[in-house]
Amino acid sequence: MHFTAFLCAFSAGFRAFVAMRIVVLTAFISAAGANLGAQMAYLTCIAAVETHELRSTVANSCAFHIQLNAVGHRFGIFLQAG
């Protein structure tokens, strides 16, 4: 009777040990995948910031040319009205 109980307990303990190994291994694999996703998101964010700064530089230079051109248009309107 005691030997049978020992075998059942040993079997249950072994199965619990294997199950926990599988759970921990799955958690580590999931964490590695999450880390990879976070690194890719970080790189995408850096690329977005750099692109935004580049586009804002281009937009600012275009706005400057438009402002210079607008000054000339103002004189043209006065000349046409007169």
N, C-alpha and C. Protein backbone atom coordinates (compact mmCIF):
# COMPACT_ATOMS: atom_id res chain seq x y z
N MET A 1 0.83 -1.19 0.00
CA MET A 1 0.00 0.00 0.00
C MET A 1 0.87 1.26 0.00
N HIS A 2 1.87 1.31 0.85
CA HIS A 2 2.72 2.48 0.90
C HIS A 2 3.54 2.63 -0.38
N PHE A 3 3.96 1.50 -0.92
CA PHE A 3 4.74 1.55 -2.15
C PHE A 3 3.91 2.10 -3.30
N THR A 4 2.65 1.71 -3.40
CA THR A 4 1.76 2.21 -4.44
C THR A 4 1.55 3.72 -4.28
N ALA A 5 1.36 4.17 -3.05
CA ALA A 5 1.18 5.61 -2.79
C ALA A 5 2.46 6.36 -3.16
N PHE A 6 3.60 5.79 -2.85
CA PHE A 6 4.87 6.42 -3.22
C PHE A 6 5.01 6.54 -4.73
N LEU A 7 4.66 5.49 -5.47
CA LEU A 7 4.74 5.54 -6.94
C LEU A 7 3.79 6.58 -7.51
N CYS A 8 2.59 6.66 -6.97
CA CYS A 8 1.63 7.66 -7.46
C CYS A 8 2.12 9.08 -7.16
N ALA A 9 2.67 9.29 -5.98
CA ALA A 9 3.18 10.61 -5.62
C ALA A 9 4.39 10.96 -6.48
N PHE A 10 5.26 10.00 -6.68
CA PHE A 10 6.43 10.25 -7.53
C PHE A 10 6.00 10.58 -8.95
N SER A 11 5.03 9.83 -9.46
CA SER A 11 4.53 10.07 -10.82
C SER A 11 3.89 11.46 -10.93
N ALA A 12 3.11 11.83 -9.93
CA ALA A 12 2.47 13.15 -9.94
C ALA A 12 3.52 14.25 -9.84
N GLY A 13 4.51 14.07 -8.99
CA GLY A 13 5.57 15.05 -8.86
C GLY A 13 6.37 15.20 -10.15
N PHE A 14 6.66 14.09 -10.80
CA PHE A 14 7.41 14.14 -12.06
C PHE A 14 6.61 14.87 -13.14
N ARG A 15 5.30 14.57 -13.21
CA ARG A 15 4.46 15.25 -14.20
C ARG A 15 4.36 16.75 -13.91
N ALA A 16 4.29 17.12 -12.65
CA ALA A 16 4.24 18.53 -12.28
C ALA A 16 5.56 19.21 -12.64
N PHE A 17 6.68 18.51 -12.42
CA PHE A 17 7.99 19.05 -12.77
C PHE A 17 8.09 19.30 -14.28
N VAL A 18 7.66 18.34 -15.07
CA VAL A 18 7.70 18.48 -16.54
C VAL A 18 6.76 19.60 -16.98
N ALA A 19 5.58 19.66 -16.38
CA ALA A 19 4.62 20.72 -16.75
C ALA A 19 5.19 22.10 -16.44
N MET A 20 5.82 22.24 -15.29
CA MET A 20 6.39 23.54 -14.94
C MET A 20 7.55 23.90 -15.87
N ARG A 21 8.34 22.92 -16.26
CA ARG A 21 9.42 23.19 -17.23
C ARG A 21 8.84 23.70 -18.54
N ILE A 22 7.75 23.11 -18.98
CA ILE A 22 7.11 23.54 -20.23
C ILE A 22 6.55 24.95 -20.07
N VAL A 23 5.93 25.23 -18.92
CA VAL A 23 5.35 26.56 -18.67
C VAL A 23 6.46 27.61 -18.65
N VAL A 24 7.56 27.32 -17.95
CA VAL A 24 8.65 28.28 -17.84
C VAL A 24 9.31 28.49 -19.20
N LEU A 25 9.52 27.40 -19.94
CA LEU A 25 10.11 27.52 -21.27
C LEU A 25 9.22 28.35 -22.19
N THR A 26 7.92 28.12 -22.14
CA THR A 26 6.99 28.90 -22.94
C THR A 26 7.02 30.38 -22.53
N ALA A 27 7.14 30.64 -21.25
CA ALA A 27 7.20 32.04 -20.78
C ALA A 27 8.47 32.72 -21.28
N PHE A 28 9.60 32.00 -21.24
CA PHE A 28 10.85 32.58 -21.74
C PHE A 28 10.78 32.86 -23.23
N ILE A 29 10.19 31.95 -23.99
CA ILE A 29 10.06 32.16 -25.43
C ILE A 29 9.14 33.35 -25.71
N SER A 30 8.06 33.46 -24.96
CA SER A 30 7.14 34.59 -25.13
C SER A 30 7.81 35.91 -24.77
N ALA A 31 8.61 35.90 -23.71
CA ALA A 31 9.32 37.11 -23.30
C ALA A 31 10.34 37.53 -24.35
N ALA A 32 11.01 36.55 -24.96
CA ALA A 32 11.97 36.87 -26.02
C ALA A 32 11.25 37.48 -27.22
N GLY A 33 10.08 36.94 -27.56
CA GLY A 33 9.30 37.51 -28.66
C GLY A 33 8.82 38.93 -28.35
N ALA A 34 8.41 39.15 -27.11
CA ALA A 34 7.97 40.49 -26.71
C ALA A 34 9.14 41.48 -26.75
N ASN A 35 10.32 41.03 -26.34
CA ASN A 35 11.50 41.88 -26.37
C ASN A 35 11.85 42.25 -27.81
N LEU A 36 11.77 41.29 -28.70
CA LEU A 36 12.05 41.56 -30.11
C LEU A 36 11.05 42.57 -30.68
N GLY A 37 9.78 42.40 -30.33
CA GLY A 37 8.77 43.35 -30.78
C GLY A 37 9.01 44.75 -30.24
N ALA A 38 9.44 44.85 -28.98
CA ALA A 38 9.72 46.16 -28.39
C ALA A 38 10.92 46.82 -29.06
N GLN A 39 11.93 46.05 -29.39
CA GLN A 39 13.09 46.61 -30.08
C GLN A 39 12.71 47.10 -31.47
N MET A 40 11.87 46.36 -32.18
CA MET A 40 11.44 46.78 -33.51
C MET A 40 10.59 48.06 -33.41
N ALA A 41 9.75 48.14 -32.40
CA ALA A 41 8.95 49.35 -32.21
C ALA A 41 9.84 50.55 -31.89
N TYR A 42 10.88 50.34 -31.11
CA TYR A 42 11.81 51.42 -30.78
C TYR A 42 12.53 51.91 -32.04
N LEU A 43 12.98 50.98 -32.86
CA LEU A 43 13.66 51.38 -34.10
C LEU A 43 12.70 52.11 -35.05
N THR A 44 11.46 51.65 -35.10
CA THR A 44 10.47 52.32 -35.93
C THR A 44 10.21 53.73 -35.41
N CYS A 45 10.17 53.89 -34.10
CA CYS A 45 9.96 55.21 -33.50
C CYS A 45 11.12 56.14 -33.84
N ILE A 46 12.33 55.65 -33.75
CA ILE A 46 13.50 56.48 -34.09
C ILE A 46 13.44 56.89 -35.56
N ALA A 47 13.08 55.96 -36.43
CA ALA A 47 12.97 56.28 -37.85
C ALA A 47 11.87 57.32 -38.09
N ALA A 48 10.77 57.21 -37.36
CA ALA A 48 9.69 58.18 -37.52
C ALA A 48 10.11 59.57 -37.07
N VAL A 49 10.86 59.64 -35.99
CA VAL A 49 11.34 60.95 -35.51
C VAL A 49 12.29 61.57 -36.52
N GLU A 50 13.22 60.78 -37.04
CA GLU A 50 14.16 61.31 -38.02
C GLU A 50 13.44 61.77 -39.29
N THR A 51 12.47 61.01 -39.73
CA THR A 51 11.70 61.39 -40.91
C THR A 51 10.92 62.67 -40.65
N HIS A 52 10.35 62.78 -39.46
CA HIS A 52 9.59 63.99 -39.11
C HIS A 52 10.51 65.21 -39.12
N GLU A 53 11.69 65.08 -38.55
CA GLU A 53 12.61 66.21 -38.53
C GLU A 53 13.05 66.59 -39.94
N LEU A 54 13.29 65.61 -40.79
CA LEU A 54 13.68 65.90 -42.17
C LEU A 54 12.55 66.60 -42.91
N ARG A 55 11.34 66.10 -42.75
CA ARG A 55 10.21 66.72 -43.44
C ARG A 55 9.92 68.11 -42.91
N SER A 56 10.10 68.33 -41.60
CA SER A 56 9.85 69.67 -41.07
C SER A 56 10.90 70.65 -41.58
N THR A 57 12.12 70.19 -41.79
CA THR A 57 13.15 71.06 -42.36
C THR A 57 12.78 71.46 -43.78
N VAL A 58 12.30 70.49 -44.56
CA VAL A 58 11.88 70.79 -45.92
C VAL A 58 10.67 71.72 -45.91
N ALA A 59 9.73 71.47 -45.01
CA ALA A 59 8.53 72.32 -44.93
C ALA A 59 8.90 73.74 -44.51
N ASN A 60 9.81 73.88 -43.58
CA ASN A 60 10.22 75.22 -43.14
C ASN A 60 10.92 75.98 -44.26
N SER A 61 11.74 75.30 -45.04
CA SER A 61 12.41 75.99 -46.13
C SER A 61 11.41 76.39 -47.22
N CYS A 62 10.41 75.57 -47.47
CA CYS A 62 9.38 75.93 -48.44
C CYS A 62 8.54 77.10 -47.92
N ALA A 63 8.26 77.10 -46.64
CA ALA A 63 7.48 78.21 -46.07
C ALA A 63 8.26 79.51 -46.18
N PHE A 64 9.57 79.46 -46.02
CA PHE A 64 10.38 80.67 -46.14
C PHE A 64 10.30 81.21 -47.56
N HIS A 65 10.39 80.34 -48.56
CA HIS A 65 10.30 80.79 -49.95
C HIS A 65 8.91 81.34 -50.25
N ILE A 66 7.91 80.75 -49.69
CA ILE A 66 6.55 81.25 -49.92
C ILE A 66 6.39 82.62 -49.28
N GLN A 67 6.95 82.83 -48.10
CA GLN A 67 6.84 84.13 -47.46
C GLN A 67 7.57 85.20 -48.27
N LEU A 68 8.74 84.88 -48.80
CA LEU A 68 9.44 85.86 -49.63
C LEU A 68 8.63 86.16 -50.88
N ASN A 69 8.03 85.14 -51.44
CA ASN A 69 7.23 85.31 -52.63
C ASN A 69 5.95 86.10 -52.30
N ALA A 70 5.41 85.93 -51.11
CA ALA A 70 4.19 86.63 -50.73
C ALA A 70 4.43 88.13 -50.62
N VAL A 71 5.62 88.53 -50.19
CA VAL A 71 5.93 89.96 -50.10
C VAL A 71 5.85 90.58 -51.50
N GLY A 72 6.36 89.90 -52.49
CA GLY A 72 6.29 90.40 -53.86
C GLY A 72 4.86 90.46 -54.37
N HIS A 73 4.05 89.55 -53.99
CA HIS A 73 2.65 89.55 -54.42
C HIS A 73 1.90 90.72 -53.81
N ARG A 74 2.25 91.12 -52.60
CA ARG A 74 1.57 92.23 -51.97
C ARG A 74 1.78 93.51 -52.78
N PHE A 75 3.00 93.74 -53.25
CA PHE A 75 3.27 94.93 -54.07
C PHE A 75 2.56 94.83 -55.41
N GLY A 76 2.47 93.62 -55.93
CA GLY A 76 1.76 93.44 -57.19
C GLY A 76 0.29 93.78 -57.07
N ILE A 77 -0.30 93.48 -55.94
CA ILE A 77 -1.72 93.80 -55.74
C ILE A 77 -1.90 95.32 -55.66
N PHE A 78 -1.00 96.00 -54.99
CA PHE A 78 -1.11 97.45 -54.91
C PHE A 78 -0.95 98.08 -56.29
N LEU A 79 -0.04 97.54 -57.07
CA LEU A 79 0.15 98.10 -58.40
C LEU A 79 -1.04 97.87 -59.30
N GLN A 80 -1.69 96.70 -59.16
CA GLN A 80 -2.85 96.40 -59.99
C GLN A 80 -4.04 97.27 -59.56
N ALA A 81 -4.16 97.54 -58.28
CA ALA A 81 -5.28 98.34 -57.81
C ALA A 81 -5.15 99.80 -58.22
N GLY A 82 -3.93 100.25 -58.41
CA GLY A 82 -3.69 101.67 -58.69
C GLY A 82 -3.76 101.99 -60.11
